[in-house]
Amino acid sequence: MRKEYGAALRELFAARMKAEFPAWREVPAPKTWFFPGERLYVRDDHPAAWQVIVLQPDMKDHDSFDIEIGWSRLKRVPELSMRPSLESPDSAEALAREEYICRLSSLIPARDQPAPGWILDPRTYSTDFNQIMAAMTERQVKLTKEQARAAMTPFVDEAFAVLGDRGLSWLESRLAA
């Protein structure tokens, strides 16, 4: 992800978490289990498990991000060797796991896009040389903080709508089962 977009994403996401979900707190993401640039939020007041949200900016050259959501019945930051977990989010196998994380985008009915999550510039996923070159050429122009925030805001808005409408209710229902 372009660094200007990454900075805007982390800033907007942190502000929205604080405003909309104040029971969640940001915690340091252990480098052993998480990638640089990811942000980790936990809610540790549930009697059954810690609830977890991971902001996951794309680590490659794609202008996109996803959010991961899950739990740790061990009441810690999840220590998963593979994320997201392989089991389907609504499966009995997922529910049986002590620690589980899935992509929030996997809880959304099928969308017509080249990859999961929220994509600012689908050309970065293209196989068309001209589209890729156009996207790379545009990247040579540095974005201002305001431009990056303006471009990122509608995607963060949509992600928070999904998180509030589907993600957190899914998480509560899984921990209540």
N, C-alpha and C. Protein backbone atom coordinates (compact mmCIF):
# COMPACT_ATOMS: atom_id res chain seq x y z
N MET A 1 0.84 -1.17 0.00
CA MET A 1 0.00 0.00 0.00
C MET A 1 0.89 1.24 0.00
N ARG A 2 0.48 2.17 -0.77
CA ARG A 2 1.17 3.45 -0.82
C ARG A 2 1.28 4.02 0.59
N LYS A 3 2.44 4.56 0.97
CA LYS A 3 2.65 4.97 2.35
C LYS A 3 1.70 6.08 2.80
N GLU A 4 1.35 6.98 1.89
CA GLU A 4 0.41 8.05 2.26
C GLU A 4 -0.97 7.46 2.60
N TYR A 5 -1.39 6.46 1.82
CA TYR A 5 -2.66 5.79 2.11
C TYR A 5 -2.58 5.02 3.43
N GLY A 6 -1.46 4.36 3.66
CA GLY A 6 -1.30 3.60 4.90
C GLY A 6 -1.38 4.49 6.13
N ALA A 7 -0.74 5.64 6.08
CA ALA A 7 -0.78 6.57 7.21
C ALA A 7 -2.20 7.08 7.43
N ALA A 8 -2.88 7.43 6.35
CA ALA A 8 -4.27 7.91 6.46
C ALA A 8 -5.18 6.81 7.00
N LEU A 9 -5.00 5.60 6.52
CA LEU A 9 -5.82 4.48 6.97
C LEU A 9 -5.66 4.26 8.47
N ARG A 10 -4.42 4.20 8.95
CA ARG A 10 -4.20 3.95 10.38
C ARG A 10 -4.76 5.08 11.23
N GLU A 11 -4.60 6.31 10.76
CA GLU A 11 -5.10 7.46 11.51
C GLU A 11 -6.64 7.47 11.56
N LEU A 12 -7.27 7.28 10.41
CA LEU A 12 -8.73 7.27 10.36
C LEU A 12 -9.31 6.10 11.15
N PHE A 13 -8.69 4.94 11.03
CA PHE A 13 -9.18 3.75 11.72
C PHE A 13 -9.09 3.93 13.24
N ALA A 14 -7.97 4.45 13.73
CA ALA A 14 -7.80 4.66 15.16
C ALA A 14 -8.83 5.64 15.70
N ALA A 15 -9.08 6.71 14.97
CA ALA A 15 -10.06 7.71 15.41
C ALA A 15 -11.47 7.11 15.45
N ARG A 16 -11.82 6.32 14.44
CA ARG A 16 -13.15 5.70 14.41
C ARG A 16 -13.31 4.66 15.52
N MET A 17 -12.27 3.88 15.78
CA MET A 17 -12.34 2.89 16.85
C MET A 17 -12.59 3.59 18.18
N LYS A 18 -11.86 4.66 18.42
CA LYS A 18 -11.99 5.41 19.68
C LYS A 18 -13.39 6.01 19.82
N ALA A 19 -13.93 6.53 18.72
CA ALA A 19 -15.23 7.20 18.76
C ALA A 19 -16.40 6.21 18.79
N GLU A 20 -16.32 5.14 17.98
CA GLU A 20 -17.46 4.24 17.82
C GLU A 20 -17.43 3.00 18.70
N PHE A 21 -16.24 2.55 19.03
CA PHE A 21 -16.10 1.33 19.83
C PHE A 21 -15.12 1.58 20.98
N PRO A 22 -15.50 2.45 21.93
CA PRO A 22 -14.55 2.84 22.98
C PRO A 22 -14.15 1.70 23.92
N ALA A 23 -14.91 0.61 23.96
CA ALA A 23 -14.54 -0.52 24.82
C ALA A 23 -13.34 -1.28 24.27
N TRP A 24 -13.03 -1.06 23.00
CA TRP A 24 -11.88 -1.71 22.37
C TRP A 24 -10.65 -0.85 22.59
N ARG A 25 -9.52 -1.50 22.84
CA ARG A 25 -8.28 -0.74 23.03
C ARG A 25 -7.20 -1.27 22.11
N GLU A 26 -6.38 -0.34 21.64
CA GLU A 26 -5.26 -0.75 20.79
C GLU A 26 -4.16 -1.31 21.68
N VAL A 27 -3.59 -2.41 21.24
CA VAL A 27 -2.47 -3.03 21.96
C VAL A 27 -1.33 -3.24 20.97
N PRO A 28 -0.11 -3.30 21.47
CA PRO A 28 1.01 -3.57 20.55
C PRO A 28 0.83 -4.94 19.89
N ALA A 29 1.07 -4.99 18.60
CA ALA A 29 0.96 -6.24 17.85
C ALA A 29 2.31 -6.95 17.90
N PRO A 30 2.39 -8.10 18.57
CA PRO A 30 3.68 -8.80 18.67
C PRO A 30 4.24 -9.13 17.29
N LYS A 31 5.48 -8.79 17.07
CA LYS A 31 6.11 -8.98 15.76
C LYS A 31 6.19 -10.45 15.35
N THR A 32 6.18 -11.34 16.32
CA THR A 32 6.23 -12.76 16.01
C THR A 32 4.97 -13.20 15.27
N TRP A 33 3.83 -12.58 15.57
CA TRP A 33 2.55 -13.05 15.05
C TRP A 33 1.88 -12.07 14.10
N PHE A 34 2.38 -10.85 14.01
CA PHE A 34 1.74 -9.82 13.18
C PHE A 34 2.78 -9.12 12.32
N PHE A 35 2.30 -8.52 11.22
CA PHE A 35 3.19 -7.87 10.26
C PHE A 35 3.34 -6.39 10.58
N PRO A 36 4.45 -5.78 10.17
CA PRO A 36 4.62 -4.34 10.35
C PRO A 36 3.47 -3.59 9.67
N GLY A 37 3.00 -2.55 10.31
CA GLY A 37 1.91 -1.75 9.74
C GLY A 37 0.53 -2.18 10.20
N GLU A 38 0.41 -3.41 10.70
CA GLU A 38 -0.89 -3.85 11.20
C GLU A 38 -1.16 -3.21 12.56
N ARG A 39 -2.43 -3.02 12.84
CA ARG A 39 -2.85 -2.49 14.13
C ARG A 39 -3.80 -3.49 14.76
N LEU A 40 -3.65 -3.68 16.07
CA LEU A 40 -4.38 -4.70 16.80
C LEU A 40 -5.21 -4.05 17.89
N TYR A 41 -6.49 -4.42 17.92
CA TYR A 41 -7.42 -3.92 18.93
C TYR A 41 -8.04 -5.11 19.64
N VAL A 42 -8.17 -5.01 20.96
CA VAL A 42 -8.77 -6.09 21.73
C VAL A 42 -9.87 -5.54 22.63
N ARG A 43 -10.78 -6.44 22.91
CA ARG A 43 -11.78 -6.20 23.94
C ARG A 43 -11.68 -7.39 24.88
N ASP A 44 -11.26 -7.13 26.10
CA ASP A 44 -10.95 -8.22 27.02
C ASP A 44 -11.95 -8.35 28.17
N ASP A 45 -13.16 -7.81 28.01
CA ASP A 45 -14.15 -7.89 29.07
C ASP A 45 -15.20 -8.98 28.87
N HIS A 46 -15.07 -9.76 27.82
CA HIS A 46 -16.01 -10.87 27.59
C HIS A 46 -15.59 -12.04 28.47
N PRO A 47 -16.53 -12.70 29.14
CA PRO A 47 -16.14 -13.80 30.04
C PRO A 47 -15.55 -15.01 29.32
N ALA A 48 -15.88 -15.21 28.05
CA ALA A 48 -15.42 -16.42 27.34
C ALA A 48 -14.08 -16.23 26.64
N ALA A 49 -13.79 -15.02 26.16
CA ALA A 49 -12.60 -14.86 25.33
C ALA A 49 -12.28 -13.38 25.12
N TRP A 50 -11.03 -13.15 24.74
CA TRP A 50 -10.68 -11.84 24.22
C TRP A 50 -11.22 -11.76 22.80
N GLN A 51 -11.78 -10.62 22.46
CA GLN A 51 -12.22 -10.37 21.09
C GLN A 51 -11.13 -9.53 20.42
N VAL A 52 -10.91 -9.77 19.13
CA VAL A 52 -9.77 -9.18 18.44
C VAL A 52 -10.19 -8.59 17.10
N ILE A 53 -9.67 -7.41 16.80
CA ILE A 53 -9.80 -6.78 15.49
C ILE A 53 -8.38 -6.43 15.02
N VAL A 54 -8.07 -6.81 13.80
CA VAL A 54 -6.75 -6.50 13.23
C VAL A 54 -6.96 -5.67 11.97
N LEU A 55 -6.41 -4.48 11.94
CA LEU A 55 -6.38 -3.67 10.72
C LEU A 55 -5.19 -4.16 9.91
N GLN A 56 -5.45 -4.56 8.68
CA GLN A 56 -4.43 -5.20 7.87
C GLN A 56 -4.25 -4.46 6.54
N PRO A 57 -3.37 -3.45 6.50
CA PRO A 57 -3.06 -2.82 5.21
C PRO A 57 -2.34 -3.82 4.32
N ASP A 58 -2.55 -3.73 3.02
CA ASP A 58 -1.88 -4.64 2.10
C ASP A 58 -0.38 -4.44 2.21
N MET A 59 0.35 -5.52 2.34
CA MET A 59 1.81 -5.45 2.50
C MET A 59 2.54 -5.41 1.17
N LYS A 60 1.81 -5.55 0.08
CA LYS A 60 2.44 -5.56 -1.24
C LYS A 60 2.17 -4.23 -1.93
N ASP A 61 2.13 -4.24 -3.23
CA ASP A 61 1.95 -3.01 -3.99
C ASP A 61 0.50 -2.70 -4.29
N HIS A 62 -0.42 -3.31 -3.58
CA HIS A 62 -1.84 -3.06 -3.83
C HIS A 62 -2.35 -1.98 -2.88
N ASP A 63 -3.15 -1.07 -3.42
CA ASP A 63 -3.76 -0.04 -2.59
C ASP A 63 -5.06 -0.60 -2.04
N SER A 64 -4.93 -1.42 -1.00
CA SER A 64 -6.09 -2.07 -0.41
C SER A 64 -5.81 -2.40 1.05
N PHE A 65 -6.88 -2.77 1.75
CA PHE A 65 -6.73 -3.21 3.14
C PHE A 65 -7.87 -4.17 3.46
N ASP A 66 -7.70 -4.88 4.53
CA ASP A 66 -8.77 -5.71 5.06
C ASP A 66 -8.75 -5.58 6.57
N ILE A 67 -9.77 -6.12 7.18
CA ILE A 67 -9.89 -6.16 8.63
C ILE A 67 -10.08 -7.61 9.00
N GLU A 68 -9.38 -8.05 10.02
CA GLU A 68 -9.59 -9.40 10.52
C GLU A 68 -10.25 -9.31 11.89
N ILE A 69 -11.05 -10.32 12.19
CA ILE A 69 -11.82 -10.32 13.42
C ILE A 69 -11.83 -11.73 13.98
N GLY A 70 -11.78 -11.84 15.29
CA GLY A 70 -11.79 -13.17 15.88
C GLY A 70 -11.68 -13.14 17.39
N TRP A 71 -11.18 -14.24 17.94
CA TRP A 71 -11.15 -14.40 19.39
C TRP A 71 -9.95 -15.21 19.84
N SER A 72 -9.72 -15.11 21.15
CA SER A 72 -8.77 -15.99 21.83
C SER A 72 -9.40 -16.40 23.15
N ARG A 73 -9.75 -17.67 23.25
CA ARG A 73 -10.28 -18.19 24.52
C ARG A 73 -9.16 -18.35 25.54
N LEU A 74 -7.93 -18.21 25.08
CA LEU A 74 -6.78 -18.25 25.98
C LEU A 74 -6.55 -16.88 26.63
N LYS A 75 -7.40 -15.92 26.26
CA LYS A 75 -7.39 -14.56 26.82
C LYS A 75 -6.02 -13.90 26.66
N ARG A 76 -5.63 -13.83 25.39
CA ARG A 76 -4.36 -13.20 25.02
C ARG A 76 -4.49 -12.73 23.57
N VAL A 77 -3.46 -12.06 23.10
CA VAL A 77 -3.38 -11.75 21.69
C VAL A 77 -3.19 -13.08 20.97
N PRO A 78 -4.03 -13.38 19.95
CA PRO A 78 -3.90 -14.69 19.28
C PRO A 78 -2.51 -14.95 18.73
N GLU A 79 -2.08 -16.17 18.87
CA GLU A 79 -0.78 -16.60 18.35
C GLU A 79 -1.04 -17.68 17.30
N LEU A 80 -1.41 -17.22 16.12
CA LEU A 80 -1.74 -18.12 15.02
C LEU A 80 -0.63 -18.11 13.99
N SER A 81 -0.19 -19.29 13.58
CA SER A 81 0.86 -19.36 12.58
C SER A 81 0.34 -19.03 11.19
N MET A 82 -0.99 -19.09 11.00
CA MET A 82 -1.59 -18.75 9.71
C MET A 82 -2.83 -17.89 9.95
N ARG A 83 -2.87 -16.78 9.24
CA ARG A 83 -4.05 -15.91 9.30
C ARG A 83 -4.44 -15.57 7.87
N PRO A 84 -5.71 -15.54 7.57
CA PRO A 84 -6.81 -15.95 8.43
C PRO A 84 -6.81 -17.46 8.64
N SER A 85 -7.58 -17.89 9.63
CA SER A 85 -7.73 -19.32 9.90
C SER A 85 -8.38 -19.98 8.70
N LEU A 86 -8.11 -21.26 8.51
CA LEU A 86 -8.61 -21.97 7.33
C LEU A 86 -10.10 -22.30 7.39
N GLU A 87 -10.62 -22.48 8.58
CA GLU A 87 -12.02 -22.89 8.73
C GLU A 87 -12.97 -21.75 8.33
N SER A 88 -14.11 -22.13 7.77
CA SER A 88 -15.15 -21.16 7.42
C SER A 88 -15.64 -20.47 8.69
N PRO A 89 -15.91 -19.17 8.63
CA PRO A 89 -16.31 -18.43 9.83
C PRO A 89 -17.53 -18.99 10.57
N ASP A 90 -18.46 -19.59 9.86
CA ASP A 90 -19.67 -20.08 10.52
C ASP A 90 -19.62 -21.58 10.79
N SER A 91 -18.47 -22.20 10.64
CA SER A 91 -18.38 -23.64 10.80
C SER A 91 -18.22 -24.06 12.26
N ALA A 92 -18.59 -25.29 12.54
CA ALA A 92 -18.38 -25.87 13.86
C ALA A 92 -16.89 -25.99 14.16
N GLU A 93 -16.10 -26.24 13.12
CA GLU A 93 -14.65 -26.36 13.30
C GLU A 93 -14.05 -25.04 13.79
N ALA A 94 -14.52 -23.94 13.25
CA ALA A 94 -14.03 -22.63 13.70
C ALA A 94 -14.42 -22.40 15.16
N LEU A 95 -15.64 -22.70 15.48
CA LEU A 95 -16.14 -22.50 16.83
C LEU A 95 -15.37 -23.33 17.86
N ALA A 96 -14.87 -24.48 17.45
CA ALA A 96 -14.13 -25.35 18.36
C ALA A 96 -12.71 -24.86 18.64
N ARG A 97 -12.23 -23.92 17.84
CA ARG A 97 -10.85 -23.44 18.02
C ARG A 97 -10.72 -22.53 19.22
N GLU A 98 -9.59 -22.66 19.90
CA GLU A 98 -9.29 -21.77 21.03
C GLU A 98 -9.01 -20.35 20.54
N GLU A 99 -8.33 -20.27 19.38
CA GLU A 99 -8.02 -18.98 18.78
C GLU A 99 -8.42 -19.04 17.31
N TYR A 100 -9.11 -17.99 16.87
CA TYR A 100 -9.63 -17.99 15.51
C TYR A 100 -9.66 -16.56 15.00
N ILE A 101 -9.26 -16.38 13.75
CA ILE A 101 -9.34 -15.07 13.08
C ILE A 101 -9.78 -15.29 11.64
N CYS A 102 -10.76 -14.50 11.20
CA CYS A 102 -11.18 -14.53 9.80
C CYS A 102 -11.18 -13.11 9.25
N ARG A 103 -11.29 -13.01 7.94
CA ARG A 103 -11.39 -11.70 7.31
C ARG A 103 -12.81 -11.18 7.44
N LEU A 104 -12.93 -9.93 7.81
CA LEU A 104 -14.25 -9.31 7.87
C LEU A 104 -14.91 -9.37 6.50
N SER A 105 -14.13 -9.21 5.45
CA SER A 105 -14.69 -9.25 4.10
C SER A 105 -15.30 -10.60 3.76
N SER A 106 -14.90 -11.67 4.47
CA SER A 106 -15.50 -12.99 4.21
C SER A 106 -16.90 -13.09 4.80
N LEU A 107 -17.30 -12.13 5.62
CA LEU A 107 -18.65 -12.11 6.19
C LEU A 107 -19.62 -11.31 5.33
N ILE A 108 -19.11 -10.74 4.24
CA ILE A 108 -19.93 -9.95 3.32
C ILE A 108 -20.36 -10.85 2.17
N PRO A 109 -21.62 -10.78 1.76
CA PRO A 109 -22.01 -11.55 0.57
C PRO A 109 -21.11 -11.19 -0.61
N ALA A 110 -20.97 -12.12 -1.53
CA ALA A 110 -20.05 -11.98 -2.67
C ALA A 110 -20.09 -10.58 -3.28
N ARG A 111 -18.90 -10.03 -3.48
CA ARG A 111 -18.75 -8.73 -4.13
C ARG A 111 -17.93 -8.93 -5.38
N ASP A 112 -18.19 -8.11 -6.37
CA ASP A 112 -17.48 -8.22 -7.64
C ASP A 112 -16.21 -7.40 -7.59
N GLN A 113 -15.15 -8.00 -7.07
CA GLN A 113 -13.86 -7.34 -7.04
C GLN A 113 -12.76 -8.39 -7.07
N PRO A 114 -11.55 -7.97 -7.45
CA PRO A 114 -10.48 -8.95 -7.69
C PRO A 114 -9.85 -9.56 -6.44
N ALA A 115 -10.09 -9.01 -5.26
CA ALA A 115 -9.46 -9.52 -4.05
C ALA A 115 -10.36 -9.19 -2.86
N PRO A 116 -10.12 -9.85 -1.71
CA PRO A 116 -10.93 -9.55 -0.53
C PRO A 116 -10.57 -8.18 0.04
N GLY A 117 -11.45 -7.65 0.82
CA GLY A 117 -11.19 -6.40 1.52
C GLY A 117 -11.68 -5.19 0.76
N TRP A 118 -11.03 -4.08 1.02
CA TRP A 118 -11.40 -2.80 0.43
C TRP A 118 -10.27 -2.34 -0.46
N ILE A 119 -10.58 -2.08 -1.73
CA ILE A 119 -9.57 -1.79 -2.74
C ILE A 119 -9.74 -0.36 -3.25
N LEU A 120 -8.73 0.46 -3.04
CA LEU A 120 -8.78 1.84 -3.51
C LEU A 120 -8.53 1.92 -5.01
N ASP A 121 -7.60 1.12 -5.50
CA ASP A 121 -7.26 1.17 -6.92
C ASP A 121 -7.20 -0.26 -7.47
N PRO A 122 -8.28 -0.72 -8.11
CA PRO A 122 -8.30 -2.10 -8.61
C PRO A 122 -7.28 -2.36 -9.72
N ARG A 123 -6.72 -1.30 -10.30
CA ARG A 123 -5.71 -1.49 -11.34
C ARG A 123 -4.48 -2.21 -10.81
N THR A 124 -4.22 -2.10 -9.53
CA THR A 124 -3.04 -2.76 -8.97
C THR A 124 -3.21 -4.28 -8.95
N TYR A 125 -4.42 -4.76 -9.13
CA TYR A 125 -4.68 -6.20 -9.22
C TYR A 125 -4.84 -6.67 -10.67
N SER A 126 -4.77 -5.76 -11.59
CA SER A 126 -5.02 -6.07 -13.00
C SER A 126 -3.91 -6.94 -13.59
N THR A 127 -4.26 -7.65 -14.63
CA THR A 127 -3.26 -8.37 -15.42
C THR A 127 -2.98 -7.62 -16.73
N ASP A 128 -3.64 -6.49 -16.91
CA ASP A 128 -3.46 -5.67 -18.10
C ASP A 128 -2.26 -4.74 -17.89
N PHE A 129 -1.27 -4.88 -18.75
CA PHE A 129 -0.04 -4.10 -18.63
C PHE A 129 -0.31 -2.61 -18.59
N ASN A 130 -1.18 -2.11 -19.45
CA ASN A 130 -1.46 -0.67 -19.51
C ASN A 130 -2.08 -0.15 -18.22
N GLN A 131 -2.96 -0.92 -17.62
CA GLN A 131 -3.55 -0.49 -16.35
C GLN A 131 -2.51 -0.46 -15.24
N ILE A 132 -1.67 -1.47 -15.21
CA ILE A 132 -0.63 -1.52 -14.19
C ILE A 132 0.33 -0.34 -14.35
N MET A 133 0.73 -0.07 -15.58
CA MET A 133 1.65 1.04 -15.83
C MET A 133 1.02 2.39 -15.48
N ALA A 134 -0.26 2.56 -15.80
CA ALA A 134 -0.95 3.80 -15.45
C ALA A 134 -0.97 4.00 -13.93
N ALA A 135 -1.26 2.93 -13.21
CA ALA A 135 -1.28 3.01 -11.74
C ALA A 135 0.12 3.32 -11.20
N MET A 136 1.13 2.68 -11.75
CA MET A 136 2.50 2.91 -11.28
C MET A 136 2.97 4.33 -11.61
N THR A 137 2.57 4.83 -12.76
CA THR A 137 2.94 6.20 -13.14
C THR A 137 2.31 7.20 -12.18
N GLU A 138 1.04 7.00 -11.85
CA GLU A 138 0.37 7.90 -10.91
C GLU A 138 1.02 7.88 -9.53
N ARG A 139 1.59 6.76 -9.17
CA ARG A 139 2.24 6.65 -7.86
C ARG A 139 3.50 7.51 -7.74
N GLN A 140 4.01 7.97 -8.86
CA GLN A 140 5.21 8.81 -8.83
C GLN A 140 4.91 10.19 -8.25
N VAL A 141 3.64 10.58 -8.26
CA VAL A 141 3.24 11.88 -7.72
C VAL A 141 2.87 11.68 -6.25
N LYS A 142 3.56 12.38 -5.37
CA LYS A 142 3.32 12.25 -3.93
C LYS A 142 1.97 12.87 -3.57
N LEU A 143 1.22 12.15 -2.76
CA LEU A 143 -0.07 12.65 -2.28
C LEU A 143 0.12 13.48 -1.03
N THR A 144 -0.70 14.51 -0.87
CA THR A 144 -0.71 15.25 0.39
C THR A 144 -1.49 14.44 1.41
N LYS A 145 -1.33 14.79 2.67
CA LYS A 145 -2.07 14.12 3.74
C LYS A 145 -3.57 14.26 3.51
N GLU A 146 -4.00 15.44 3.07
CA GLU A 146 -5.42 15.69 2.83
C GLU A 146 -5.95 14.85 1.67
N GLN A 147 -5.17 14.73 0.61
CA GLN A 147 -5.59 13.91 -0.53
C GLN A 147 -5.73 12.44 -0.13
N ALA A 148 -4.76 11.95 0.63
CA ALA A 148 -4.79 10.55 1.07
C ALA A 148 -5.99 10.30 1.98
N ARG A 149 -6.25 11.23 2.90
CA ARG A 149 -7.41 11.09 3.80
C ARG A 149 -8.72 11.12 3.02
N ALA A 150 -8.82 12.03 2.06
CA ALA A 150 -10.05 12.15 1.27
C ALA A 150 -10.30 10.87 0.46
N ALA A 151 -9.23 10.29 -0.09
CA ALA A 151 -9.39 9.07 -0.87
C ALA A 151 -9.73 7.88 0.02
N MET A 152 -9.17 7.84 1.21
CA MET A 152 -9.34 6.69 2.11
C MET A 152 -10.66 6.73 2.88
N THR A 153 -11.19 7.90 3.16
CA THR A 153 -12.36 8.04 4.03
C THR A 153 -13.56 7.19 3.60
N PRO A 154 -14.00 7.19 2.34
CA PRO A 154 -15.18 6.38 2.00
C PRO A 154 -14.96 4.88 2.21
N PHE A 155 -13.73 4.42 2.05
CA PHE A 155 -13.44 3.00 2.24
C PHE A 155 -13.46 2.64 3.73
N VAL A 156 -12.93 3.53 4.56
CA VAL A 156 -12.98 3.31 6.00
C VAL A 156 -14.43 3.38 6.48
N ASP A 157 -15.20 4.32 5.93
CA ASP A 157 -16.62 4.41 6.29
C ASP A 157 -17.35 3.10 5.99
N GLU A 158 -17.12 2.56 4.80
CA GLU A 158 -17.78 1.30 4.43
C GLU A 158 -17.31 0.15 5.32
N ALA A 159 -16.02 0.09 5.59
CA ALA A 159 -15.49 -0.98 6.44
C ALA A 159 -16.09 -0.91 7.84
N PHE A 160 -16.25 0.30 8.37
CA PHE A 160 -16.85 0.43 9.71
C PHE A 160 -18.33 0.09 9.70
N ALA A 161 -19.00 0.37 8.61
CA ALA A 161 -20.41 -0.04 8.51
C ALA A 161 -20.51 -1.57 8.57
N VAL A 162 -19.65 -2.25 7.85
CA VAL A 162 -19.65 -3.72 7.86
C VAL A 162 -19.24 -4.24 9.24
N LEU A 163 -18.23 -3.63 9.83
CA LEU A 163 -17.78 -4.05 11.15
C LEU A 163 -18.91 -3.92 12.17
N GLY A 164 -19.61 -2.78 12.14
CA GLY A 164 -20.70 -2.56 13.08
C GLY A 164 -21.94 -3.41 12.80
N ASP A 165 -22.29 -3.55 11.52
CA ASP A 165 -23.51 -4.27 11.16
C ASP A 165 -23.35 -5.78 11.17
N ARG A 166 -22.20 -6.27 10.75
CA ARG A 166 -22.01 -7.72 10.61
C ARG A 166 -20.94 -8.30 11.51
N GLY A 167 -19.79 -7.66 11.53
CA GLY A 167 -18.63 -8.23 12.20
C GLY A 167 -18.80 -8.43 13.69
N LEU A 168 -19.15 -7.38 14.40
CA LEU A 168 -19.24 -7.49 15.85
C LEU A 168 -20.41 -8.36 16.28
N SER A 169 -21.52 -8.32 15.55
CA SER A 169 -22.65 -9.21 15.89
C SER A 169 -22.29 -10.67 15.61
N TRP A 170 -21.54 -10.92 14.53
CA TRP A 170 -21.08 -12.28 14.25
C TRP A 170 -20.18 -12.77 15.38
N LEU A 171 -19.28 -11.92 15.81
CA LEU A 171 -18.34 -12.29 16.88
C LEU A 171 -19.09 -12.60 18.17
N GLU A 172 -20.03 -11.76 18.54
CA GLU A 172 -20.83 -12.00 19.75
C GLU A 172 -21.60 -13.32 19.64
N SER A 173 -22.19 -13.57 18.48
CA SER A 173 -22.97 -14.80 18.31
C SER A 173 -22.08 -16.03 18.40
N ARG A 174 -20.88 -15.95 17.88
CA ARG A 174 -19.96 -17.11 17.95
C ARG A 174 -19.49 -17.37 19.37
N LEU A 175 -19.27 -16.32 20.13
CA LEU A 175 -18.82 -16.50 21.52
C LEU A 175 -19.96 -16.89 22.45
N ALA A 176 -21.19 -16.64 22.03
CA ALA A 176 -22.35 -17.03 22.84
C ALA A 176 -22.75 -18.48 22.61
N ALA A 177 -22.26 -19.06 21.51
CA ALA A 177 -22.65 -20.43 21.15
C ALA A 177 -22.06 -21.47 22.09
